Amino acid sequence: MDDPAQGDQLKSIVQRIERLEEEKKTISDDIKEVYSEAKANGYDVAVLRKVITLRKRDLNERKEEEAILDLYLQAVGESA
């Protein structure tokens, strides 16, 4: 990189990435803290994580997957 402007641009990009990585770590730590709080209040963290995962997905996709799951469970004699 002979162009000083390119060096400055690269340095800026690296610094922005480093700053975002630090923010990501802070947010990750905050999320862990909330899960710990939930556990301390008697909530099942594994189920809570599943709820969060499900809420991220499209409702129609979720319903379709649940219907297929129910169908498969019925097929193997595991229906409710």
PDB file of N, CA and C in Angstrom:
ATOM      1  N   MET A   1       0.830  -1.170   0.000  1.00  0.00           N
ATOM      2  CA  MET A   1       0.000   0.000   0.000  1.00  0.00           C
ATOM      3  C   MET A   1       0.883   1.244   0.000  1.00  0.00           C
ATOM      4  N   ASP A   2       1.059   1.767  -1.160  1.00  0.00           N
ATOM      5  CA  ASP A   2       1.900   2.953  -1.288  1.00  0.00           C
ATOM      6  C   ASP A   2       1.138   4.230  -1.010  1.00  0.00           C
ATOM      7  N   ASP A   3      -0.171   4.194  -1.181  1.00  0.00           N
ATOM      8  CA  ASP A   3      -1.007   5.391  -1.007  1.00  0.00           C
ATOM      9  C   ASP A   3      -1.328   5.581   0.469  1.00  0.00           C
ATOM     10  N   PRO A   4      -0.884   6.694   1.061  1.00  0.00           N
ATOM     11  CA  PRO A   4      -1.180   6.939   2.488  1.00  0.00           C
ATOM     12  C   PRO A   4      -2.673   6.971   2.791  1.00  0.00           C
ATOM     13  N   ALA A   5      -3.483   7.403   1.810  1.00  0.00           N
ATOM     14  CA  ALA A   5      -4.933   7.445   2.020  1.00  0.00           C
ATOM     15  C   ALA A   5      -5.484   6.042   2.209  1.00  0.00           C
ATOM     16  N   GLN A   6      -4.923   5.080   1.476  1.00  0.00           N
ATOM     17  CA  GLN A   6      -5.367   3.693   1.643  1.00  0.00           C
ATOM     18  C   GLN A   6      -4.989   3.173   3.021  1.00  0.00           C
ATOM     19  N   GLY A   7      -3.827   3.543   3.480  1.00  0.00           N
ATOM     20  CA  GLY A   7      -3.395   3.141   4.815  1.00  0.00           C
ATOM     21  C   GLY A   7      -4.305   3.722   5.883  1.00  0.00           C
ATOM     22  N   ASP A   8      -4.678   4.980   5.720  1.00  0.00           N
ATOM     23  CA  ASP A   8      -5.587   5.631   6.666  1.00  0.00           C
ATOM     24  C   ASP A   8      -6.963   4.966   6.641  1.00  0.00           C
ATOM     25  N   GLN A   9      -7.414   4.649   5.423  1.00  0.00           N
ATOM     26  CA  GLN A   9      -8.717   3.999   5.291  1.00  0.00           C
ATOM     27  C   GLN A   9      -8.698   2.622   5.963  1.00  0.00           C
ATOM     28  N   LEU A  10      -7.625   1.857   5.725  1.00  0.00           N
ATOM     29  CA  LEU A  10      -7.513   0.532   6.333  1.00  0.00           C
ATOM     30  C   LEU A  10      -7.465   0.645   7.850  1.00  0.00           C
ATOM     31  N   LYS A  11      -6.710   1.602   8.351  1.00  0.00           N
ATOM     32  CA  LYS A  11      -6.624   1.808   9.796  1.00  0.00           C
ATOM     33  C   LYS A  11      -7.997   2.126  10.375  1.00  0.00           C
ATOM     34  N   SER A  12      -8.755   2.974   9.683  1.00  0.00           N
ATOM     35  CA  SER A  12     -10.102   3.328  10.125  1.00  0.00           C
ATOM     36  C   SER A  12     -11.014   2.101  10.158  1.00  0.00           C
ATOM     37  N   ILE A  13     -10.915   1.274   9.127  1.00  0.00           N
ATOM     38  CA  ILE A  13     -11.736   0.055   9.072  1.00  0.00           C
ATOM     39  C   ILE A  13     -11.395  -0.865  10.229  1.00  0.00           C
ATOM     40  N   VAL A  14     -10.113  -1.061  10.472  1.00  0.00           N
ATOM     41  CA  VAL A  14      -9.669  -1.937  11.571  1.00  0.00           C
ATOM     42  C   VAL A  14     -10.170  -1.399  12.909  1.00  0.00           C
ATOM     43  N   GLN A  15     -10.065  -0.107  13.110  1.00  0.00           N
ATOM     44  CA  GLN A  15     -10.516   0.496  14.371  1.00  0.00           C
ATOM     45  C   GLN A  15     -12.030   0.351  14.548  1.00  0.00           C
ATOM     46  N   ARG A  16     -12.780   0.518  13.476  1.00  0.00           N
ATOM     47  CA  ARG A  16     -14.237   0.348  13.557  1.00  0.00           C
ATOM     48  C   ARG A  16     -14.599  -1.090  13.904  1.00  0.00           C
ATOM     49  N   ILE A  17     -13.913  -2.034  13.272  1.00  0.00           N
ATOM     50  CA  ILE A  17     -14.174  -3.447  13.570  1.00  0.00           C
ATOM     51  C   ILE A  17     -13.847  -3.743  15.028  1.00  0.00           C
ATOM     52  N   GLU A  18     -12.724  -3.256  15.502  1.00  0.00           N
ATOM     53  CA  GLU A  18     -12.347  -3.469  16.904  1.00  0.00           C
ATOM     54  C   GLU A  18     -13.382  -2.886  17.852  1.00  0.00           C
ATOM     55  N   ARG A  19     -13.878  -1.703  17.541  1.00  0.00           N
ATOM     56  CA  ARG A  19     -14.890  -1.058  18.384  1.00  0.00           C
ATOM     57  C   ARG A  19     -16.180  -1.876  18.394  1.00  0.00           C
ATOM     58  N   LEU A  20     -16.587  -2.362  17.222  1.00  0.00           N
ATOM     59  CA  LEU A  20     -17.803  -3.173  17.132  1.00  0.00           C
ATOM     60  C   LEU A  20     -17.636  -4.510  17.857  1.00  0.00           C
ATOM     61  N   GLU A  21     -16.448  -5.097  17.762  1.00  0.00           N
ATOM     62  CA  GLU A  21     -16.185  -6.349  18.491  1.00  0.00           C
ATOM     63  C   GLU A  21     -16.311  -6.133  19.997  1.00  0.00           C
ATOM     64  N   GLU A  22     -15.831  -5.004  20.486  1.00  0.00           N
ATOM     65  CA  GLU A  22     -15.941  -4.696  21.913  1.00  0.00           C
ATOM     66  C   GLU A  22     -17.402  -4.499  22.303  1.00  0.00           C
ATOM     67  N   GLU A  23     -18.170  -3.808  21.445  1.00  0.00           N
ATOM     68  CA  GLU A  23     -19.600  -3.629  21.716  1.00  0.00           C
ATOM     69  C   GLU A  23     -20.315  -4.978  21.723  1.00  0.00           C
ATOM     70  N   LYS A  24     -19.928  -5.852  20.793  1.00  0.00           N
ATOM     71  CA  LYS A  24     -20.533  -7.183  20.723  1.00  0.00           C
ATOM     72  C   LYS A  24     -20.255  -7.961  22.012  1.00  0.00           C
ATOM     73  N   LYS A  25     -19.023  -7.857  22.529  1.00  0.00           N
ATOM     74  CA  LYS A  25     -18.687  -8.547  23.776  1.00  0.00           C
ATOM     75  C   LYS A  25     -19.510  -7.988  24.933  1.00  0.00           C
ATOM     76  N   THR A  26     -19.651  -6.672  24.980  1.00  0.00           N
ATOM     77  CA  THR A  26     -20.437  -6.044  26.037  1.00  0.00           C
ATOM     78  C   THR A  26     -21.888  -6.509  25.982  1.00  0.00           C
ATOM     79  N   ILE A  27     -22.460  -6.537  24.786  1.00  0.00           N
ATOM     80  CA  ILE A  27     -23.845  -6.988  24.627  1.00  0.00           C
ATOM     81  C   ILE A  27     -23.975  -8.458  25.011  1.00  0.00           C
ATOM     82  N   SER A  28     -23.012  -9.260  24.603  1.00  0.00           N
ATOM     83  CA  SER A  28     -23.035 -10.686  24.955  1.00  0.00           C
ATOM     84  C   SER A  28     -22.999 -10.865  26.472  1.00  0.00           C
ATOM     85  N   ASP A  29     -22.155 -10.089  27.138  1.00  0.00           N
ATOM     86  CA  ASP A  29     -22.088 -10.144  28.606  1.00  0.00           C
ATOM     87  C   ASP A  29     -23.419  -9.719  29.230  1.00  0.00           C
ATOM     88  N   ASP A  30     -24.046  -8.696  28.656  1.00  0.00           N
ATOM     89  CA  ASP A  30     -25.347  -8.232  29.156  1.00  0.00           C
ATOM     90  C   ASP A  30     -26.408  -9.322  29.008  1.00  0.00           C
ATOM     91  N   ILE A  31     -26.394 -10.017  27.885  1.00  0.00           N
ATOM     92  CA  ILE A  31     -27.362 -11.093  27.652  1.00  0.00           C
ATOM     93  C   ILE A  31     -27.149 -12.212  28.671  1.00  0.00           C
ATOM     94  N   LYS A  32     -25.896 -12.577  28.911  1.00  0.00           N
ATOM     95  CA  LYS A  32     -25.596 -13.609  29.916  1.00  0.00           C
ATOM     96  C   LYS A  32     -26.126 -13.195  31.285  1.00  0.00           C
ATOM     97  N   GLU A  33     -25.978 -11.925  31.591  1.00  0.00           N
ATOM     98  CA  GLU A  33     -26.442 -11.408  32.875  1.00  0.00           C
ATOM     99  C   GLU A  33     -27.969 -11.536  33.003  1.00  0.00           C
ATOM    100  N   VAL A  34     -28.689 -11.252  31.926  1.00  0.00           N
ATOM    101  CA  VAL A  34     -30.146 -11.363  31.950  1.00  0.00           C
ATOM    102  C   VAL A  34     -30.565 -12.826  32.111  1.00  0.00           C
ATOM    103  N   TYR A  35     -29.872 -13.736  31.426  1.00  0.00           N
ATOM    104  CA  TYR A  35     -30.170 -15.157  31.594  1.00  0.00           C
ATOM    105  C   TYR A  35     -29.896 -15.608  33.036  1.00  0.00           C
ATOM    106  N   SER A  36     -28.834 -15.101  33.637  1.00  0.00           N
ATOM    107  CA  SER A  36     -28.538 -15.429  35.036  1.00  0.00           C
ATOM    108  C   SER A  36     -29.630 -14.914  35.956  1.00  0.00           C
ATOM    109  N   GLU A  37     -30.113 -13.724  35.663  1.00  0.00           N
ATOM    110  CA  GLU A  37     -31.208 -13.148  36.440  1.00  0.00           C
ATOM    111  C   GLU A  37     -32.463 -14.009  36.304  1.00  0.00           C
ATOM    112  N   ALA A  38     -32.736 -14.442  35.080  1.00  0.00           N
ATOM    113  CA  ALA A  38     -33.905 -15.294  34.846  1.00  0.00           C
ATOM    114  C   ALA A  38     -33.777 -16.592  35.639  1.00  0.00           C
ATOM    115  N   LYS A  39     -32.581 -17.180  35.614  1.00  0.00           N
ATOM    116  CA  LYS A  39     -32.353 -18.432  36.355  1.00  0.00           C
ATOM    117  C   LYS A  39     -32.530 -18.207  37.857  1.00  0.00           C
ATOM    118  N   ALA A  40     -32.023 -17.101  38.354  1.00  0.00           N
ATOM    119  CA  ALA A  40     -32.152 -16.788  39.778  1.00  0.00           C
ATOM    120  C   ALA A  40     -33.609 -16.597  40.185  1.00  0.00           C
ATOM    121  N   ASN A  41     -34.437 -16.211  39.226  1.00  0.00           N
ATOM    122  CA  ASN A  41     -35.866 -16.030  39.499  1.00  0.00           C
ATOM    123  C   ASN A  41     -36.678 -17.289  39.220  1.00  0.00           C
ATOM    124  N   GLY A  42     -35.979 -18.399  38.988  1.00  0.00           N
ATOM    125  CA  GLY A  42     -36.655 -19.677  38.856  1.00  0.00           C
ATOM    126  C   GLY A  42     -37.069 -20.073  37.450  1.00  0.00           C
ATOM    127  N   TYR A  43     -36.664 -19.319  36.453  1.00  0.00           N
ATOM    128  CA  TYR A  43     -37.017 -19.669  35.083  1.00  0.00           C
ATOM    129  C   TYR A  43     -36.041 -20.701  34.521  1.00  0.00           C
ATOM    130  N   ASP A  44     -36.548 -21.579  33.675  1.00  0.00           N
ATOM    131  CA  ASP A  44     -35.724 -22.582  33.005  1.00  0.00           C
ATOM    132  C   ASP A  44     -35.031 -21.902  31.826  1.00  0.00           C
ATOM    133  N   VAL A  45     -33.722 -21.727  31.935  1.00  0.00           N
ATOM    134  CA  VAL A  45     -32.968 -20.978  30.940  1.00  0.00           C
ATOM    135  C   VAL A  45     -32.952 -21.703  29.591  1.00  0.00           C
ATOM    136  N   ALA A  46     -32.890 -23.018  29.587  1.00  0.00           N
ATOM    137  CA  ALA A  46     -32.894 -23.767  28.323  1.00  0.00           C
ATOM    138  C   ALA A  46     -34.195 -23.513  27.565  1.00  0.00           C
ATOM    139  N   VAL A  47     -35.312 -23.523  28.283  1.00  0.00           N
ATOM    140  CA  VAL A  47     -36.607 -23.267  27.655  1.00  0.00           C
ATOM    141  C   VAL A  47     -36.683 -21.807  27.210  1.00  0.00           C
ATOM    142  N   LEU A  48     -36.166 -20.902  28.013  1.00  0.00           N
ATOM    143  CA  LEU A  48     -36.148 -19.492  27.664  1.00  0.00           C
ATOM    144  C   LEU A  48     -35.351 -19.256  26.376  1.00  0.00           C
ATOM    145  N   ARG A  49     -34.224 -19.933  26.252  1.00  0.00           N
ATOM    146  CA  ARG A  49     -33.414 -19.818  25.023  1.00  0.00           C
ATOM    147  C   ARG A  49     -34.203 -20.333  23.822  1.00  0.00           C
ATOM    148  N   LYS A  50     -34.948 -21.410  24.019  1.00  0.00           N
ATOM    149  CA  LYS A  50     -35.768 -21.960  22.944  1.00  0.00           C
ATOM    150  C   LYS A  50     -36.858 -20.962  22.542  1.00  0.00           C
ATOM    151  N   VAL A  51     -37.479 -20.309  23.526  1.00  0.00           N
ATOM    152  CA  VAL A  51     -38.504 -19.300  23.246  1.00  0.00           C
ATOM    153  C   VAL A  51     -37.895 -18.169  22.410  1.00  0.00           C
ATOM    154  N   ILE A  52     -36.706 -17.712  22.779  1.00  0.00           N
ATOM    155  CA  ILE A  52     -36.037 -16.631  22.048  1.00  0.00           C
ATOM    156  C   ILE A  52     -35.756 -17.076  20.615  1.00  0.00           C
ATOM    157  N   THR A  53     -35.268 -18.295  20.455  1.00  0.00           N
ATOM    158  CA  THR A  53     -34.985 -18.825  19.118  1.00  0.00           C
ATOM    159  C   THR A  53     -36.252 -18.906  18.275  1.00  0.00           C
ATOM    160  N   LEU A  54     -37.332 -19.400  18.867  1.00  0.00           N
ATOM    161  CA  LEU A  54     -38.585 -19.526  18.130  1.00  0.00           C
ATOM    162  C   LEU A  54     -39.138 -18.163  17.719  1.00  0.00           C
ATOM    163  N   ARG A  55     -39.019 -17.187  18.603  1.00  0.00           N
ATOM    164  CA  ARG A  55     -39.564 -15.850  18.299  1.00  0.00           C
ATOM    165  C   ARG A  55     -38.812 -15.164  17.167  1.00  0.00           C
ATOM    166  N   LYS A  56     -37.577 -15.579  16.911  1.00  0.00           N
ATOM    167  CA  LYS A  56     -36.793 -15.012  15.821  1.00  0.00           C
ATOM    168  C   LYS A  56     -37.284 -15.508  14.461  1.00  0.00           C
ATOM    169  N   ARG A  57     -37.929 -16.665  14.455  1.00  0.00           N
ATOM    170  CA  ARG A  57     -38.355 -17.294  13.202  1.00  0.00           C
ATOM    171  C   ARG A  57     -39.715 -16.786  12.743  1.00  0.00           C
ATOM    172  N   ASP A  58     -39.966 -16.924  11.462  1.00  0.00           N
ATOM    173  CA  ASP A  58     -41.241 -16.560  10.871  1.00  0.00           C
ATOM    174  C   ASP A  58     -42.337 -17.455  11.441  1.00  0.00           C
ATOM    175  N   LEU A  59     -43.472 -16.851  11.814  1.00  0.00           N
ATOM    176  CA  LEU A  59     -44.573 -17.585  12.434  1.00  0.00           C
ATOM    177  C   LEU A  59     -45.086 -18.699  11.533  1.00  0.00           C
ATOM    178  N   ASN A  60     -45.244 -18.430  10.254  1.00  0.00           N
ATOM    179  CA  ASN A  60     -45.754 -19.455   9.333  1.00  0.00           C
ATOM    180  C   ASN A  60     -44.789 -20.631   9.197  1.00  0.00           C
ATOM    181  N   GLU A  61     -43.492 -20.347   9.133  1.00  0.00           N
ATOM    182  CA  GLU A  61     -42.492 -21.416   9.071  1.00  0.00           C
ATOM    183  C   GLU A  61     -42.553 -22.260  10.343  1.00  0.00           C
ATOM    184  N   ARG A  62     -42.687 -21.581  11.472  1.00  0.00           N
ATOM    185  CA  ARG A  62     -42.760 -22.282  12.756  1.00  0.00           C
ATOM    186  C   ARG A  62     -43.964 -23.201  12.808  1.00  0.00           C
ATOM    187  N   LYS A  63     -45.130 -22.700  12.378  1.00  0.00           N
ATOM    188  CA  LYS A  63     -46.348 -23.505  12.402  1.00  0.00           C
ATOM    189  C   LYS A  63     -46.222 -24.705  11.473  1.00  0.00           C
ATOM    190  N   GLU A  64     -45.622 -24.493  10.311  1.00  0.00           N
ATOM    191  CA  GLU A  64     -45.435 -25.589   9.364  1.00  0.00           C
ATOM    192  C   GLU A  64     -44.522 -26.660   9.961  1.00  0.00           C
ATOM    193  N   GLU A  65     -43.429 -26.226  10.587  1.00  0.00           N
ATOM    194  CA  GLU A  65     -42.504 -27.180  11.211  1.00  0.00           C
ATOM    195  C   GLU A  65     -43.193 -27.940  12.343  1.00  0.00           C
ATOM    196  N   GLU A  66     -43.984 -27.226  13.157  1.00  0.00           N
ATOM    197  CA  GLU A  66     -44.696 -27.878  14.257  1.00  0.00           C
ATOM    198  C   GLU A  66     -45.704 -28.898  13.730  1.00  0.00           C
ATOM    199  N   ALA A  67     -46.379 -28.577  12.620  1.00  0.00           N
ATOM    200  CA  ALA A  67     -47.345 -29.512  12.032  1.00  0.00           C
ATOM    201  C   ALA A  67     -46.639 -30.761  11.521  1.00  0.00           C
ATOM    202  N   ILE A  68     -45.497 -30.580  10.886  1.00  0.00           N
ATOM    203  CA  ILE A  68     -44.727 -31.736  10.388  1.00  0.00           C
ATOM    204  C   ILE A  68     -44.212 -32.558  11.559  1.00  0.00           C
ATOM    205  N   LEU A  69     -43.738 -31.891  12.592  1.00  0.00           N
ATOM    206  CA  LEU A  69     -43.259 -32.588  13.783  1.00  0.00           C
ATOM    207  C   LEU A  69     -44.378 -33.417  14.402  1.00  0.00           C
ATOM    208  N   ASP A  70     -45.563 -32.825  14.518  1.00  0.00           N
ATOM    209  CA  ASP A  70     -46.709 -33.533  15.070  1.00  0.00           C
ATOM    210  C   ASP A  70     -47.054 -34.754  14.216  1.00  0.00           C
ATOM    211  N   LEU A  71     -47.022 -34.567  12.896  1.00  0.00           N
ATOM    212  CA  LEU A  71     -47.304 -35.672  11.979  1.00  0.00           C
ATOM    213  C   LEU A  71     -46.291 -36.805  12.170  1.00  0.00           C
ATOM    214  N   TYR A  72     -45.030 -36.471  12.262  1.00  0.00           N
ATOM    215  CA  TYR A  72     -43.994 -37.482  12.462  1.00  0.00           C
ATOM    216  C   TYR A  72     -44.164 -38.183  13.803  1.00  0.00           C
ATOM    217  N   LEU A  73     -44.480 -37.415  14.848  1.00  0.00           N
ATOM    218  CA  LEU A  73     -44.671 -38.031  16.157  1.00  0.00           C
ATOM    219  C   LEU A  73     -45.856 -38.992  16.148  1.00  0.00           C
ATOM    220  N   GLN A  74     -46.929 -38.632  15.472  1.00  0.00           N
ATOM    221  CA  GLN A  74     -48.071 -39.525  15.333  1.00  0.00           C
ATOM    222  C   GLN A  74     -47.684 -40.801  14.591  1.00  0.00           C
ATOM    223  N   ALA A  75     -46.856 -40.652  13.562  1.00  0.00           N
ATOM    224  CA  ALA A  75     -46.437 -41.789  12.758  1.00  0.00           C
ATOM    225  C   ALA A  75     -45.624 -42.801  13.554  1.00  0.00           C
ATOM    226  N   VAL A  76     -44.903 -42.322  14.555  1.00  0.00           N
ATOM    227  CA  VAL A  76     -44.107 -43.246  15.379  1.00  0.00           C
ATOM    228  C   VAL A  76     -44.770 -43.552  16.706  1.00  0.00           C
ATOM    229  N   GLY A  77     -46.037 -43.179  16.819  1.00  0.00           N
ATOM    230  CA  GLY A  77     -46.816 -43.517  18.016  1.00  0.00           C
ATOM    231  C   GLY A  77     -46.488 -42.678  19.230  1.00  0.00           C
ATOM    232  N   GLU A  78     -46.042 -41.467  19.036  1.00  0.00           N
ATOM    233  CA  GLU A  78     -45.658 -40.580  20.146  1.00  0.00           C
ATOM    234  C   GLU A  78     -46.580 -39.378  20.274  1.00  0.00           C
ATOM    235  N   SER A  79     -47.780 -39.422  19.722  1.00  0.00           N
ATOM    236  CA  SER A  79     -48.653 -38.248  19.783  1.00  0.00           C
ATOM    237  C   SER A  79     -49.195 -38.050  21.196  1.00  0.00           C
ATOM    238  N   ALA A  80     -49.549 -36.818  21.453  1.00  0.00           N
ATOM    239  CA  ALA A  80     -50.002 -36.453  22.809  1.00  0.00           C
ATOM    240  C   ALA A  80     -51.361 -36.976  23.126  1.00  0.00           C
TER     241      ALA A  80
END
